[in-house]
Protein backbone atom coordinates (compact mmCIF):
# COMPACT_ATOMS: atom_id res chain seq x y z
CA MET A 1 0.00 0.00 0.00
CA LYS A 2 1.36 3.42 -0.90
CA THR A 3 0.66 6.43 1.28
CA THR A 4 1.91 9.99 1.71
CA LEU A 5 3.89 11.58 4.52
CA ILE A 6 1.84 14.31 6.19
CA PRO A 7 3.24 17.28 8.13
CA ILE A 8 2.78 17.13 11.92
CA GLY A 9 4.48 20.18 13.44
CA ASN A 10 8.19 19.94 12.59
CA SER A 11 7.87 16.18 11.95
CA ARG A 12 6.16 13.99 9.38
CA GLY A 13 3.60 11.27 9.95
CA VAL A 14 1.84 8.43 8.21
CA ARG A 15 -1.83 7.60 8.61
CA ILE A 16 -2.16 3.93 9.48
CA PRO A 17 -5.47 2.38 8.38
CA LYS A 18 -7.62 0.98 11.19
CA PRO A 19 -7.53 -2.62 9.80
CA PHE A 20 -3.69 -2.54 9.95
CA ILE A 21 -3.78 -1.37 13.57
CA GLU A 22 -6.30 -4.06 14.51
CA GLN A 23 -4.38 -6.83 12.72
CA CYS A 24 -1.19 -5.86 14.58
CA GLY A 25 -2.94 -5.43 17.94
CA LEU A 26 -1.59 -1.91 18.40
CA ALA A 27 -3.03 0.29 21.14
CA GLY A 28 -1.75 3.29 23.07
CA GLU A 29 2.04 3.36 23.05
CA VAL A 30 4.09 1.68 20.34
CA GLU A 31 7.79 1.07 19.82
CA MET A 32 9.44 2.25 16.63
CA ASP A 33 12.76 1.04 15.19
CA VAL A 34 14.70 1.41 11.96
CA GLN A 35 16.19 -1.75 10.42
CA ASP A 36 17.69 -2.08 6.96
CA GLY A 37 16.18 1.22 5.83
CA MET A 38 12.67 0.27 7.01
CA ILE A 39 10.61 1.75 9.84
CA LEU A 40 9.19 -0.95 12.12
CA ILE A 41 6.30 -0.20 14.47
CA HIS A 42 5.27 -2.77 17.07
CA SER A 43 3.62 -3.13 20.46
CA PRO A 44 5.95 -2.57 23.42
CA ARG A 45 7.40 -5.78 24.78
CA CYS A 46 7.24 -6.60 28.45
CA PRO A 47 10.88 -7.12 29.46
CA ARG A 48 10.18 -10.27 31.48
CA SER A 49 7.20 -11.73 29.65
CA GLY A 50 7.41 -15.49 29.48
CA TRP A 51 9.87 -15.81 32.37
CA GLY A 52 7.33 -17.53 34.65
CA ALA A 53 6.61 -20.28 32.13
CA ALA A 54 10.32 -20.68 31.40
CA PHE A 55 11.13 -21.09 35.11
CA GLU A 56 8.33 -23.63 35.56
CA SER A 57 9.65 -25.61 32.60
CA MET A 58 13.18 -25.52 34.03
CA ALA A 59 11.89 -26.76 37.41
CA ARG A 60 10.02 -29.68 35.78
CA GLN A 61 13.22 -30.68 33.99
CA GLY A 62 15.37 -30.29 37.12
CA ASP A 63 17.31 -27.50 35.45
CA ASP A 64 16.81 -24.95 38.23
CA LYS A 65 19.67 -25.93 40.53
CA LEU A 66 22.35 -23.49 41.69
CA LEU A 67 25.46 -23.58 39.54
CA ASP A 68 27.84 -22.99 42.45
CA PRO A 69 27.86 -26.02 44.76
CA VAL A 70 28.64 -23.99 47.90
CA PRO A 71 27.95 -20.29 48.43
CA VAL A 72 31.25 -18.42 48.39
CA SER A 73 31.89 -15.87 51.13
CA THR A 74 34.13 -12.93 50.45
CA ARG A 75 36.19 -10.88 52.89
CA TRP A 76 33.56 -8.16 52.58
CA ASP A 77 30.81 -10.65 53.55
CA ASN A 78 32.75 -11.78 56.61
CA GLU A 79 34.22 -8.49 57.82
CA GLU A 80 32.11 -5.59 56.59
CA TRP A 81 28.53 -6.79 56.13
CA GLN A 82 26.25 -5.94 59.06
CA TRP A 83 22.66 -7.00 59.62
CA LYS A 84 20.48 -4.22 60.98
């Protein structure tokens, strides 16, 4: 689909047809990036979305164990740390 840039103050804008917005699930804020000479507009991503399911899957597979066998204390832990 071809469209025209329209002036918006000192910037330029593009009218996005309602069906495009609905198909992409856009609402409110959007994120905009430039890649390979193209402007990409998408819904903001939640930084930790999917973490809960990933952790549950790891636990089912027994892949949620600590990597260090014994907690390591440092000089700072032993000499400077104070519980209040």
